[in-house]
PDB file of N, CA and C in Angstrom:
ATOM      1  N   MET A   1       0.818  -1.224  -0.002  1.00  0.00           N
ATOM      2  CA  MET A   1       0.001  -0.009   0.035  1.00  0.00           C
ATOM      3  C   MET A   1       0.896   1.271  -0.001  1.00  0.00           C
ATOM      4  N   GLU A   2       1.892   1.264   0.836  1.00  0.00           N
ATOM      5  CA  GLU A   2       2.828   2.444   0.951  1.00  0.00           C
ATOM      6  C   GLU A   2       3.563   2.691  -0.415  1.00  0.00           C
ATOM      7  N   ARG A   3       3.848   1.592  -1.019  1.00  0.00           N
ATOM      8  CA  ARG A   3       4.587   1.700  -2.347  1.00  0.00           C
ATOM      9  C   ARG A   3       3.736   2.452  -3.432  1.00  0.00           C
ATOM     10  N   GLU A   4       2.458   1.993  -3.513  1.00  0.00           N
ATOM     11  CA  GLU A   4       1.518   2.617  -4.487  1.00  0.00           C
ATOM     12  C   GLU A   4       1.295   4.103  -4.137  1.00  0.00           C
ATOM     13  N   LEU A   5       1.240   4.422  -2.858  1.00  0.00           N
ATOM     14  CA  LEU A   5       1.014   5.797  -2.465  1.00  0.00           C
ATOM     15  C   LEU A   5       2.206   6.671  -2.882  1.00  0.00           C
ATOM     16  N   VAL A   6       3.415   6.253  -2.607  1.00  0.00           N
ATOM     17  CA  VAL A   6       4.635   7.006  -2.998  1.00  0.00           C
ATOM     18  C   VAL A   6       4.703   7.143  -4.499  1.00  0.00           C
ATOM     19  N   GLU A   7       4.407   6.030  -5.155  1.00  0.00           N
ATOM     20  CA  GLU A   7       4.500   6.043  -6.678  1.00  0.00           C
ATOM     21  C   GLU A   7       3.405   7.087  -7.233  1.00  0.00           C
ATOM     22  N   TYR A   8       2.254   6.999  -6.724  1.00  0.00           N
ATOM     23  CA  TYR A   8       1.152   7.947  -7.154  1.00  0.00           C
ATOM     24  C   TYR A   8       1.555   9.379  -6.919  1.00  0.00           C
ATOM     25  N   ILE A   9       2.025   9.705  -5.746  1.00  0.00           N
ATOM     26  CA  ILE A   9       2.363  11.093  -5.458  1.00  0.00           C
ATOM     27  C   ILE A   9       3.521  11.570  -6.310  1.00  0.00           C
ATOM     28  N   ALA A  10       4.548  10.754  -6.465  1.00  0.00           N
ATOM     29  CA  ALA A  10       5.752  11.124  -7.263  1.00  0.00           C
ATOM     30  C   ALA A  10       5.332  11.302  -8.766  1.00  0.00           C
ATOM     31  N   LYS A  11       4.537  10.455  -9.211  1.00  0.00           N
ATOM     32  CA  LYS A  11       4.128  10.578 -10.699  1.00  0.00           C
ATOM     33  C   LYS A  11       3.350  11.848 -10.888  1.00  0.00           C
ATOM     34  N   ALA A  12       2.583  12.320  -9.883  1.00  0.00           N
ATOM     35  CA  ALA A  12       1.838  13.515  -9.984  1.00  0.00           C
ATOM     36  C   ALA A  12       2.703  14.783  -9.950  1.00  0.00           C
ATOM     37  N   LEU A  13       3.830  14.622  -9.335  1.00  0.00           N
ATOM     38  CA  LEU A  13       4.703  15.799  -9.135  1.00  0.00           C
ATOM     39  C   LEU A  13       5.705  16.039 -10.297  1.00  0.00           C
ATOM     40  N   VAL A  14       6.203  14.979 -10.914  1.00  0.00           N
ATOM     41  CA  VAL A  14       7.280  15.126 -11.893  1.00  0.00           C
ATOM     42  C   VAL A  14       6.771  15.340 -13.293  1.00  0.00           C
ATOM     43  N   ASP A  15       7.762  15.739 -14.193  1.00  0.00           N
ATOM     44  CA  ASP A  15       7.431  15.966 -15.572  1.00  0.00           C
ATOM     45  C   ASP A  15       7.562  14.628 -16.351  1.00  0.00           C
ATOM     46  N   GLU A  16       8.370  13.758 -15.897  1.00  0.00           N
ATOM     47  CA  GLU A  16       8.528  12.408 -16.527  1.00  0.00           C
ATOM     48  C   GLU A  16       8.026  11.296 -15.642  1.00  0.00           C
ATOM     49  N   PRO A  17       6.698  11.051 -15.669  1.00  0.00           N
ATOM     50  CA  PRO A  17       6.229  10.029 -14.740  1.00  0.00           C
ATOM     51  C   PRO A  17       6.634   8.576 -15.110  1.00  0.00           C
ATOM     52  N   ASP A  18       7.088   8.398 -16.324  1.00  0.00           N
ATOM     53  CA  ASP A  18       7.524   6.974 -16.716  1.00  0.00           C
ATOM     54  C   ASP A  18       8.877   6.678 -16.057  1.00  0.00           C
ATOM     55  N   ALA A  19       9.675   7.702 -15.597  1.00  0.00           N
ATOM     56  CA  ALA A  19      10.965   7.438 -14.974  1.00  0.00           C
ATOM     57  C   ALA A  19      10.905   7.134 -13.513  1.00  0.00           C
ATOM     58  N   VAL A  20       9.650   7.226 -12.908  1.00  0.00           N
ATOM     59  CA  VAL A  20       9.616   7.017 -11.476  1.00  0.00           C
ATOM     60  C   VAL A  20       9.611   5.515 -11.173  1.00  0.00           C
ATOM     61  N   GLU A  21      10.494   5.167 -10.238  1.00  0.00           N
ATOM     62  CA  GLU A  21      10.679   3.818  -9.766  1.00  0.00           C
ATOM     63  C   GLU A  21      10.652   3.826  -8.257  1.00  0.00           C
ATOM     64  N   VAL A  22       9.913   2.864  -7.686  1.00  0.00           N
ATOM     65  CA  VAL A  22       9.856   2.706  -6.249  1.00  0.00           C
ATOM     66  C   VAL A  22      10.210   1.291  -5.868  1.00  0.00           C
ATOM     67  N   ASN A  23      11.289   1.046  -5.222  1.00  0.00           N
ATOM     68  CA  ASN A  23      11.742  -0.236  -4.757  1.00  0.00           C
ATOM     69  C   ASN A  23      11.365  -0.460  -3.310  1.00  0.00           C
ATOM     70  N   LEU A  24      10.915  -1.627  -2.965  1.00  0.00           N
ATOM     71  CA  LEU A  24      10.435  -1.916  -1.587  1.00  0.00           C
ATOM     72  C   LEU A  24      11.390  -2.915  -0.993  1.00  0.00           C
ATOM     73  N   ILE A  25      11.961  -2.588   0.163  1.00  0.00           N
ATOM     74  CA  ILE A  25      12.883  -3.499   0.961  1.00  0.00           C
ATOM     75  C   ILE A  25      12.199  -3.782   2.281  1.00  0.00           C
ATOM     76  N   GLU A  26      11.825  -5.012   2.464  1.00  0.00           N
ATOM     77  CA  GLU A  26      11.113  -5.404   3.712  1.00  0.00           C
ATOM     78  C   GLU A  26      12.112  -5.846   4.727  1.00  0.00           C
ATOM     79  N   GLY A  27      11.879  -5.423   5.967  1.00  0.00           N
ATOM     80  CA  GLY A  27      12.630  -5.892   7.106  1.00  0.00           C
ATOM     81  C   GLY A  27      11.692  -6.384   8.147  1.00  0.00           C
ATOM     82  N   GLU A  28      12.253  -6.738   9.338  1.00  0.00           N
ATOM     83  CA  GLU A  28      11.403  -7.322  10.387  1.00  0.00           C
ATOM     84  C   GLU A  28      10.572  -6.189  10.999  1.00  0.00           C
ATOM     85  N   LYS A  29      11.228  -5.115  11.329  1.00  0.00           N
ATOM     86  CA  LYS A  29      10.506  -4.027  11.996  1.00  0.00           C
ATOM     87  C   LYS A  29      10.404  -2.806  11.143  1.00  0.00           C
ATOM     88  N   SER A  30      10.960  -2.735   9.961  1.00  0.00           N
ATOM     89  CA  SER A  30      10.863  -1.560   9.183  1.00  0.00           C
ATOM     90  C   SER A  30      10.771  -1.887   7.672  1.00  0.00           C
ATOM     91  N   THR A  31      10.263  -0.916   6.938  1.00  0.00           N
ATOM     92  CA  THR A  31      10.228  -1.088   5.533  1.00  0.00           C
ATOM     93  C   THR A  31      10.892   0.075   4.880  1.00  0.00           C
ATOM     94  N   ILE A  32      11.736  -0.135   3.894  1.00  0.00           N
ATOM     95  CA  ILE A  32      12.455   0.936   3.207  1.00  0.00           C
ATOM     96  C   ILE A  32      11.920   1.120   1.801  1.00  0.00           C
ATOM     97  N   LEU A  33      11.526   2.296   1.453  1.00  0.00           N
ATOM     98  CA  LEU A  33      11.114   2.645   0.056  1.00  0.00           C
ATOM     99  C   LEU A  33      12.101   3.471  -0.580  1.00  0.00           C
ATOM    100  N   GLU A  34      12.697   3.014  -1.674  1.00  0.00           N
ATOM    101  CA  GLU A  34      13.666   3.743  -2.407  1.00  0.00           C
ATOM    102  C   GLU A  34      12.925   4.371  -3.638  1.00  0.00           C
ATOM    103  N   LEU A  35      12.983   5.703  -3.714  1.00  0.00           N
ATOM    104  CA  LEU A  35      12.325   6.419  -4.799  1.00  0.00           C
ATOM    105  C   LEU A  35      13.382   6.927  -5.777  1.00  0.00           C
ATOM    106  N   LYS A  36      13.218   6.579  -7.041  1.00  0.00           N
ATOM    107  CA  LYS A  36      14.172   7.067  -8.086  1.00  0.00           C
ATOM    108  C   LYS A  36      13.307   7.796  -9.080  1.00  0.00           C
ATOM    109  N   VAL A  37      13.825   9.045  -9.392  1.00  0.00           N
ATOM    110  CA  VAL A  37      13.179   9.827 -10.457  1.00  0.00           C
ATOM    111  C   VAL A  37      14.282  10.328 -11.418  1.00  0.00           C
ATOM    112  N   SER A  38      13.880  10.933 -12.486  1.00  0.00           N
ATOM    113  CA  SER A  38      14.865  11.466 -13.437  1.00  0.00           C
ATOM    114  C   SER A  38      15.603  12.660 -12.719  1.00  0.00           C
ATOM    115  N   PRO A  39      16.891  12.838 -13.124  1.00  0.00           N
ATOM    116  CA  PRO A  39      17.726  13.887 -12.510  1.00  0.00           C
ATOM    117  C   PRO A  39      17.019  15.279 -12.635  1.00  0.00           C
ATOM    118  N   GLU A  40      16.296  15.543 -13.654  1.00  0.00           N
ATOM    119  CA  GLU A  40      15.668  16.832 -13.836  1.00  0.00           C
ATOM    120  C   GLU A  40      14.522  17.058 -12.804  1.00  0.00           C
ATOM    121  N   ASP A  41      13.920  15.945 -12.331  1.00  0.00           N
ATOM    122  CA  ASP A  41      12.740  16.035 -11.440  1.00  0.00           C
ATOM    123  C   ASP A  41      13.114  15.878  -9.953  1.00  0.00           C
ATOM    124  N   ILE A  42      14.349  15.654  -9.586  1.00  0.00           N
ATOM    125  CA  ILE A  42      14.652  15.376  -8.234  1.00  0.00           C
ATOM    126  C   ILE A  42      14.269  16.615  -7.347  1.00  0.00           C
ATOM    127  N   GLY A  43      14.385  17.829  -7.778  1.00  0.00           N
ATOM    128  CA  GLY A  43      14.057  19.028  -7.030  1.00  0.00           C
ATOM    129  C   GLY A  43      12.597  19.091  -6.762  1.00  0.00           C
ATOM    130  N   LYS A  44      11.772  18.587  -7.666  1.00  0.00           N
ATOM    131  CA  LYS A  44      10.315  18.663  -7.560  1.00  0.00           C
ATOM    132  C   LYS A  44       9.813  17.697  -6.515  1.00  0.00           C
ATOM    133  N   VAL A  45      10.492  16.573  -6.314  1.00  0.00           N
ATOM    134  CA  VAL A  45      10.187  15.573  -5.306  1.00  0.00           C
ATOM    135  C   VAL A  45      10.600  16.062  -3.965  1.00  0.00           C
ATOM    136  N   ILE A  46      11.790  16.653  -3.901  1.00  0.00           N
ATOM    137  CA  ILE A  46      12.256  17.111  -2.593  1.00  0.00           C
ATOM    138  C   ILE A  46      11.601  18.388  -2.162  1.00  0.00           C
ATOM    139  N   GLY A  47      11.469  19.370  -3.022  1.00  0.00           N
ATOM    140  CA  GLY A  47      10.823  20.663  -2.691  1.00  0.00           C
ATOM    141  C   GLY A  47      11.745  21.595  -1.999  1.00  0.00           C
ATOM    142  N   LYS A  48      11.299  22.819  -1.762  1.00  0.00           N
ATOM    143  CA  LYS A  48      12.138  23.828  -1.166  1.00  0.00           C
ATOM    144  C   LYS A  48      12.341  23.435   0.289  1.00  0.00           C
ATOM    145  N   HIS A  49      13.590  23.419   0.689  1.00  0.00           N
ATOM    146  CA  HIS A  49      13.929  23.052   2.062  1.00  0.00           C
ATOM    147  C   HIS A  49      13.415  21.702   2.457  1.00  0.00           C
ATOM    148  N   GLY A  50      13.160  20.780   1.539  1.00  0.00           N
ATOM    149  CA  GLY A  50      12.708  19.456   1.778  1.00  0.00           C
ATOM    150  C   GLY A  50      11.304  19.324   2.269  1.00  0.00           C
ATOM    151  N   ARG A  51      10.466  20.411   1.943  1.00  0.00           N
ATOM    152  CA  ARG A  51       9.067  20.319   2.431  1.00  0.00           C
ATOM    153  C   ARG A  51       8.246  19.265   1.840  1.00  0.00           C
ATOM    154  N   ILE A  52       8.374  19.021   0.479  1.00  0.00           N
ATOM    155  CA  ILE A  52       7.570  18.004  -0.112  1.00  0.00           C
ATOM    156  C   ILE A  52       7.941  16.591   0.370  1.00  0.00           C
ATOM    157  N   ALA A  53       9.299  16.388   0.501  1.00  0.00           N
ATOM    158  CA  ALA A  53       9.773  15.067   0.941  1.00  0.00           C
ATOM    159  C   ALA A  53       9.308  14.840   2.444  1.00  0.00           C
ATOM    160  N   LYS A  54       9.274  15.877   3.249  1.00  0.00           N
ATOM    161  CA  LYS A  54       8.782  15.793   4.648  1.00  0.00           C
ATOM    162  C   LYS A  54       7.299  15.407   4.654  1.00  0.00           C
ATOM    163  N   ALA A  55       6.538  16.029   3.730  1.00  0.00           N
ATOM    164  CA  ALA A  55       5.073  15.745   3.687  1.00  0.00           C
ATOM    165  C   ALA A  55       4.821  14.351   3.243  1.00  0.00           C
ATOM    166  N   ILE A  56       5.604  13.841   2.308  1.00  0.00           N
ATOM    167  CA  ILE A  56       5.438  12.437   1.893  1.00  0.00           C
ATOM    168  C   ILE A  56       5.741  11.514   3.089  1.00  0.00           C
ATOM    169  N   ARG A  57       6.845  11.766   3.740  1.00  0.00           N
ATOM    170  CA  ARG A  57       7.192  11.012   4.897  1.00  0.00           C
ATOM    171  C   ARG A  57       6.164  11.024   5.976  1.00  0.00           C
ATOM    172  N   THR A  58       5.522  12.173   6.166  1.00  0.00           N
ATOM    173  CA  THR A  58       4.436  12.260   7.177  1.00  0.00           C
ATOM    174  C   THR A  58       3.231  11.426   6.735  1.00  0.00           C
ATOM    175  N   LEU A  59       2.901  11.408   5.518  1.00  0.00           N
ATOM    176  CA  LEU A  59       1.805  10.587   5.048  1.00  0.00           C
ATOM    177  C   LEU A  59       2.152   9.087   5.246  1.00  0.00           C
ATOM    178  N   LEU A  60       3.384   8.705   4.905  1.00  0.00           N
ATOM    179  CA  LEU A  60       3.814   7.365   5.121  1.00  0.00           C
ATOM    180  C   LEU A  60       3.753   6.914   6.536  1.00  0.00           C
ATOM    181  N   SER A  61       4.156   7.738   7.462  1.00  0.00           N
ATOM    182  CA  SER A  61       4.120   7.409   8.856  1.00  0.00           C
ATOM    183  C   SER A  61       2.661   7.253   9.317  1.00  0.00           C
ATOM    184  N   ALA A  62       1.804   8.049   8.795  1.00  0.00           N
ATOM    185  CA  ALA A  62       0.392   7.921   9.099  1.00  0.00           C
ATOM    186  C   ALA A  62      -0.237   6.601   8.641  1.00  0.00           C
ATOM    187  N   THR A  63       0.119   6.229   7.423  1.00  0.00           N
ATOM    188  CA  THR A  63      -0.466   4.976   6.899  1.00  0.00           C
ATOM    189  C   THR A  63       0.231   3.762   7.527  1.00  0.00           C
ATOM    190  N   SER A  64       1.407   3.887   8.031  1.00  0.00           N
ATOM    191  CA  SER A  64       2.082   2.707   8.553  1.00  0.00           C
ATOM    192  C   SER A  64       1.677   2.422   9.998  1.00  0.00           C
ATOM    193  N   THR A  65       0.904   3.276  10.652  1.00  0.00           N
ATOM    194  CA  THR A  65       0.536   2.983  12.013  1.00  0.00           C
ATOM    195  C   THR A  65      -0.308   1.788  12.173  1.00  0.00           C
ATOM    196  N   THR A  66      -1.089   1.387  11.183  1.00  0.00           N
ATOM    197  CA  THR A  66      -1.978   0.202  11.239  1.00  0.00           C
ATOM    198  C   THR A  66      -1.108  -1.103  11.193  1.00  0.00           C
ATOM    199  N   SER A  67      -0.016  -1.087  10.430  1.00  0.00           N
ATOM    200  CA  SER A  67       0.846  -2.305  10.314  1.00  0.00           C
ATOM    201  C   SER A  67       1.855  -2.401  11.456  1.00  0.00           C
ATOM    202  N   GLY A  68       2.159  -1.338  12.112  1.00  0.00           N
ATOM    203  CA  GLY A  68       3.060  -1.416  13.230  1.00  0.00           C
ATOM    204  C   GLY A  68       4.511  -1.431  12.842  1.00  0.00           C
ATOM    205  N   LYS A  69       4.769  -1.257  11.544  1.00  0.00           N
ATOM    206  CA  LYS A  69       6.094  -1.248  11.053  1.00  0.00           C
ATOM    207  C   LYS A  69       6.569   0.211  10.804  1.00  0.00           C
ATOM    208  N   ARG A  70       7.794   0.537  10.859  1.00  0.00           N
ATOM    209  CA  ARG A  70       8.340   1.840  10.589  1.00  0.00           C
ATOM    210  C   ARG A  70       8.602   1.868   9.072  1.00  0.00           C
ATOM    211  N   VAL A  71       8.206   2.925   8.391  1.00  0.00           N
ATOM    212  CA  VAL A  71       8.433   3.113   6.927  1.00  0.00           C
ATOM    213  C   VAL A  71       9.436   4.235   6.739  1.00  0.00           C
ATOM    214  N   VAL A  72      10.446   4.005   6.008  1.00  0.00           N
ATOM    215  CA  VAL A  72      11.499   4.926   5.645  1.00  0.00           C
ATOM    216  C   VAL A  72      11.522   5.280   4.268  1.00  0.00           C
ATOM    217  N   LEU A  73      11.461   6.478   3.850  1.00  0.00           N
ATOM    218  CA  LEU A  73      11.562   6.921   2.399  1.00  0.00           C
ATOM    219  C   LEU A  73      12.931   7.415   2.158  1.00  0.00           C
ATOM    220  N   GLU A  74      13.594   6.833   1.127  1.00  0.00           N
ATOM    221  CA  GLU A  74      14.883   7.254   0.644  1.00  0.00           C
ATOM    222  C   GLU A  74      14.748   7.744  -0.744  1.00  0.00           C
ATOM    223  N   ILE A  75      15.159   8.986  -1.052  1.00  0.00           N
ATOM    224  CA  ILE A  75      15.076   9.546  -2.353  1.00  0.00           C
ATOM    225  C   ILE A  75      16.484   9.413  -2.997  1.00  0.00           C
ATOM    226  N   LEU A  76      16.614   8.581  -3.964  1.00  0.00           N
ATOM    227  CA  LEU A  76      17.897   8.339  -4.625  1.00  0.00           C
ATOM    228  C   LEU A  76      18.065   9.211  -5.856  1.00  0.00           C
ATOM    229  N   ASP A  77      19.311   9.642  -6.040  1.00  0.00           N
ATOM    230  CA  ASP A  77      19.609  10.468  -7.233  1.00  0.00           C
ATOM    231  C   ASP A  77      20.546   9.751  -8.153  1.00  0.00           C
TER     232      ASP A  77
END
């Protein structure tokens, strides 16, 4: 569920939605989501002073409370 949420938000923000990739790494107590976008769109996903990235992370933490796992978003360049 978290993977689809991040993918949906990222595709809505960027100019090249086909370049959006989200990799899911499952652990025992945490889940890591690796977000890859094109180099031209990295600023749109992070936002000024990291505000958009922080908002995405806030949404992820809200959705992950039901599963009891910690969700970490990593934006790769």
